[in-house]
Amino acid sequence: MIDHITFGITDFDRSTAFYDAAFAPLGVRRLFDVPTEHTDGARVTGYGDERPWFWLAEQNATRGTLHVALTATSREAVDAFHAAALMAGGTDNGAPGLRPHYHPNYYGAFVLDPDGHNIEAVFHGG
């Protein structure tokens, strides 16, 4: 199951104005801004209803145009995803571990696929 998705954008203010307006009738709103110290200075914001699941991120030299996160059933599954992806030719983009700047139990791992897309497995449990 897809947990969340991030699109790379070139104009943060233009894109957020668009999505603020377009999503409002659907009950989807901006819920979270990632502190820039965790994003190499890029502005990143998350939209959703109860939790953010649609993200926008300024593109920069280290951030591509697409990020997809898949829901894992455990921390061990996140670890296994990361190991399998690296063995299959992926590139490490964030070892398995806690990401408390999202929430205290956010446990994720990131790899770049052969085309440079950022693929993540995430477990939200304790």
C-alpha atoms as a PDB file:
ATOM      1  CA  MET A   1       0.000   0.000   0.000  1.00  0.00           C
ATOM      2  CA  ILE A   2       1.225   3.503  -0.743  1.00  0.00           C
ATOM      3  CA  ASP A   3       1.780   5.446   2.467  1.00  0.00           C
ATOM      4  CA  HIS A   4       2.573   8.794   0.855  1.00  0.00           C
ATOM      5  CA  ILE A   5       3.961  10.373  -2.305  1.00  0.00           C
ATOM      6  CA  THR A   6       6.102  13.447  -2.951  1.00  0.00           C
ATOM      7  CA  PHE A   7       6.302  15.496  -6.125  1.00  0.00           C
ATOM      8  CA  GLY A   8       9.298  17.678  -6.887  1.00  0.00           C
ATOM      9  CA  ILE A   9       8.318  21.261  -7.696  1.00  0.00           C
ATOM     10  CA  THR A  10      10.178  24.251  -9.096  1.00  0.00           C
ATOM     11  CA  ASP A  11       8.193  27.138  -7.560  1.00  0.00           C
ATOM     12  CA  PHE A  12       7.119  26.458  -3.964  1.00  0.00           C
ATOM     13  CA  ASP A  13       4.849  29.497  -3.573  1.00  0.00           C
ATOM     14  CA  ARG A  14       3.069  28.932  -6.901  1.00  0.00           C
ATOM     15  CA  SER A  15       2.567  25.220  -6.251  1.00  0.00           C
ATOM     16  CA  THR A  16       1.344  25.592  -2.674  1.00  0.00           C
ATOM     17  CA  ALA A  17      -1.125  28.302  -3.735  1.00  0.00           C
ATOM     18  CA  PHE A  18      -2.451  25.932  -6.409  1.00  0.00           C
ATOM     19  CA  TYR A  19      -2.789  22.907  -4.109  1.00  0.00           C
ATOM     20  CA  ASP A  20      -4.186  24.976  -1.213  1.00  0.00           C
ATOM     21  CA  ALA A  21      -7.040  26.064  -3.492  1.00  0.00           C
ATOM     22  CA  ALA A  22      -7.516  22.840  -5.462  1.00  0.00           C
ATOM     23  CA  PHE A  23      -7.570  20.537  -2.443  1.00  0.00           C
ATOM     24  CA  ALA A  24      -9.773  22.689  -0.182  1.00  0.00           C
ATOM     25  CA  PRO A  25     -13.091  21.415  -1.638  1.00  0.00           C
ATOM     26  CA  LEU A  26     -11.893  17.853  -0.943  1.00  0.00           C
ATOM     27  CA  GLY A  27     -11.124  18.545   2.726  1.00  0.00           C
ATOM     28  CA  VAL A  28      -7.406  18.149   2.090  1.00  0.00           C
ATOM     29  CA  ARG A  29      -5.211  20.834   3.635  1.00  0.00           C
ATOM     30  CA  ARG A  30      -1.600  21.635   4.416  1.00  0.00           C
ATOM     31  CA  LEU A  31      -0.722  19.908   7.676  1.00  0.00           C
ATOM     32  CA  PHE A  32       3.049  19.846   8.091  1.00  0.00           C
ATOM     33  CA  ASP A  33       6.180  21.688   7.004  1.00  0.00           C
ATOM     34  CA  VAL A  34       9.431  19.741   7.359  1.00  0.00           C
ATOM     35  CA  PRO A  35      12.114  21.811   9.113  1.00  0.00           C
ATOM     36  CA  THR A  36      14.652  22.851   6.464  1.00  0.00           C
ATOM     37  CA  GLU A  37      17.552  21.472   8.516  1.00  0.00           C
ATOM     38  CA  HIS A  38      16.224  18.015   7.536  1.00  0.00           C
ATOM     39  CA  THR A  39      15.841  18.824   3.820  1.00  0.00           C
ATOM     40  CA  ASP A  40      19.158  20.361   2.702  1.00  0.00           C
ATOM     41  CA  GLY A  41      17.448  23.757   2.839  1.00  0.00           C
ATOM     42  CA  ALA A  42      14.563  22.874   0.523  1.00  0.00           C
ATOM     43  CA  ARG A  43      11.003  23.731   1.501  1.00  0.00           C
ATOM     44  CA  VAL A  44       8.839  20.622   1.918  1.00  0.00           C
ATOM     45  CA  THR A  45       5.174  20.575   2.911  1.00  0.00           C
ATOM     46  CA  GLY A  46       2.627  17.820   3.441  1.00  0.00           C
ATOM     47  CA  TYR A  47      -1.090  17.793   2.657  1.00  0.00           C
ATOM     48  CA  GLY A  48      -3.722  15.425   3.950  1.00  0.00           C
ATOM     49  CA  ASP A  49      -6.857  15.021   5.977  1.00  0.00           C
ATOM     50  CA  GLU A  50      -5.822  13.377   9.254  1.00  0.00           C
ATOM     51  CA  ARG A  51      -2.133  12.985   8.396  1.00  0.00           C
ATOM     52  CA  PRO A  52       0.021  14.167   5.494  1.00  0.00           C
ATOM     53  CA  TRP A  53       0.080  11.783   2.521  1.00  0.00           C
ATOM     54  CA  PHE A  54       0.633  14.149  -0.425  1.00  0.00           C
ATOM     55  CA  TRP A  55       3.909  16.064  -0.281  1.00  0.00           C
ATOM     56  CA  LEU A  56       5.538  18.821  -2.301  1.00  0.00           C
ATOM     57  CA  ALA A  57       9.301  19.362  -2.204  1.00  0.00           C
ATOM     58  CA  GLU A  58      11.461  21.967  -3.861  1.00  0.00           C
ATOM     59  CA  GLN A  59      13.793  20.271  -6.293  1.00  0.00           C
ATOM     60  CA  ASN A  60      17.502  20.686  -5.684  1.00  0.00           C
ATOM     61  CA  ALA A  61      20.728  18.896  -6.495  1.00  0.00           C
ATOM     62  CA  THR A  62      20.023  16.067  -4.031  1.00  0.00           C
ATOM     63  CA  ARG A  63      16.251  15.773  -4.472  1.00  0.00           C
ATOM     64  CA  GLY A  64      14.666  14.336  -7.584  1.00  0.00           C
ATOM     65  CA  THR A  65      11.175  14.697  -8.917  1.00  0.00           C
ATOM     66  CA  LEU A  66       9.389  11.694  -7.372  1.00  0.00           C
ATOM     67  CA  HIS A  67       9.295   9.998  -3.972  1.00  0.00           C
ATOM     68  CA  VAL A  68       7.007   7.077  -3.125  1.00  0.00           C
ATOM     69  CA  ALA A  69       6.725   5.560   0.354  1.00  0.00           C
ATOM     70  CA  LEU A  70       5.252   2.136   0.944  1.00  0.00           C
ATOM     71  CA  THR A  71       3.734   1.029   4.245  1.00  0.00           C
ATOM     72  CA  ALA A  72       5.714  -1.688   6.014  1.00  0.00           C
ATOM     73  CA  THR A  73       4.268  -4.040   8.633  1.00  0.00           C
ATOM     74  CA  SER A  74       7.255  -3.799  11.011  1.00  0.00           C
ATOM     75  CA  ARG A  75      10.699  -2.300  11.540  1.00  0.00           C
ATOM     76  CA  GLU A  76      12.149  -5.622  10.427  1.00  0.00           C
ATOM     77  CA  ALA A  77      10.274  -5.310   7.122  1.00  0.00           C
ATOM     78  CA  VAL A  78      11.778  -1.837   6.628  1.00  0.00           C
ATOM     79  CA  ASP A  79      15.244  -3.259   7.285  1.00  0.00           C
ATOM     80  CA  ALA A  80      14.621  -6.141   4.858  1.00  0.00           C
ATOM     81  CA  PHE A  81      13.348  -3.762   2.152  1.00  0.00           C
ATOM     82  CA  HIS A  82      16.480  -1.630   2.454  1.00  0.00           C
ATOM     83  CA  ALA A  83      18.818  -4.630   2.280  1.00  0.00           C
ATOM     84  CA  ALA A  84      16.973  -6.208  -0.663  1.00  0.00           C
ATOM     85  CA  ALA A  85      16.854  -2.937  -2.596  1.00  0.00           C
ATOM     86  CA  LEU A  86      20.602  -2.418  -2.180  1.00  0.00           C
ATOM     87  CA  MET A  87      21.283  -6.012  -3.270  1.00  0.00           C
ATOM     88  CA  ALA A  88      19.109  -5.409  -6.339  1.00  0.00           C
ATOM     89  CA  GLY A  89      21.220  -2.429  -7.398  1.00  0.00           C
ATOM     90  CA  GLY A  90      19.586   0.444  -5.534  1.00  0.00           C
ATOM     91  CA  THR A  91      21.586   3.230  -3.915  1.00  0.00           C
ATOM     92  CA  ASP A  92      21.310   4.009  -0.218  1.00  0.00           C
ATOM     93  CA  ASN A  93      19.471   7.278   0.395  1.00  0.00           C
ATOM     94  CA  GLY A  94      18.853   6.883   4.129  1.00  0.00           C
ATOM     95  CA  ALA A  95      19.566   3.835   6.261  1.00  0.00           C
ATOM     96  CA  PRO A  96      16.780   2.282   8.322  1.00  0.00           C
ATOM     97  CA  GLY A  97      16.065   4.249  11.462  1.00  0.00           C
ATOM     98  CA  LEU A  98      13.800   6.556  13.379  1.00  0.00           C
ATOM     99  CA  ARG A  99      12.868   9.911  11.839  1.00  0.00           C
ATOM    100  CA  PRO A 100      11.445  11.718  14.907  1.00  0.00           C
ATOM    101  CA  HIS A 101      11.131  15.023  13.038  1.00  0.00           C
ATOM    102  CA  TYR A 102       8.065  13.421  11.360  1.00  0.00           C
ATOM    103  CA  HIS A 103       6.696  11.756  14.517  1.00  0.00           C
ATOM    104  CA  PRO A 104       8.257   9.784  17.404  1.00  0.00           C
ATOM    105  CA  ASN A 105       7.571   6.305  15.949  1.00  0.00           C
ATOM    106  CA  TYR A 106       8.356   7.052  12.284  1.00  0.00           C
ATOM    107  CA  TYR A 107      10.799   4.311  11.201  1.00  0.00           C
ATOM    108  CA  GLY A 108      11.851   4.436   7.579  1.00  0.00           C
ATOM    109  CA  ALA A 109      14.527   3.611   5.031  1.00  0.00           C
ATOM    110  CA  PHE A 110      15.213   5.205   1.660  1.00  0.00           C
ATOM    111  CA  VAL A 111      16.805   3.973  -1.562  1.00  0.00           C
ATOM    112  CA  LEU A 112      17.209   5.439  -5.008  1.00  0.00           C
ATOM    113  CA  ASP A 113      15.993   3.127  -7.748  1.00  0.00           C
ATOM    114  CA  PRO A 114      18.030   2.729 -10.964  1.00  0.00           C
ATOM    115  CA  ASP A 115      16.407   5.878 -12.390  1.00  0.00           C
ATOM    116  CA  GLY A 116      17.067   7.957  -9.287  1.00  0.00           C
ATOM    117  CA  HIS A 117      13.550   7.899  -7.804  1.00  0.00           C
ATOM    118  CA  ASN A 118      13.476   7.985  -4.005  1.00  0.00           C
ATOM    119  CA  ILE A 119      11.661   4.872  -2.755  1.00  0.00           C
ATOM    120  CA  GLU A 120      10.900   4.467   0.941  1.00  0.00           C
ATOM    121  CA  ALA A 121       9.504   1.828   3.258  1.00  0.00           C
ATOM    122  CA  VAL A 122       7.954   3.207   6.454  1.00  0.00           C
ATOM    123  CA  PHE A 123       6.544   1.723   9.637  1.00  0.00           C
ATOM    124  CA  HIS A 124       4.507   4.015  11.907  1.00  0.00           C
ATOM    125  CA  GLY A 125       4.164   1.681  14.897  1.00  0.00           C
ATOM    126  CA  GLY A 126       6.039   1.643  18.191  1.00  0.00           C
END
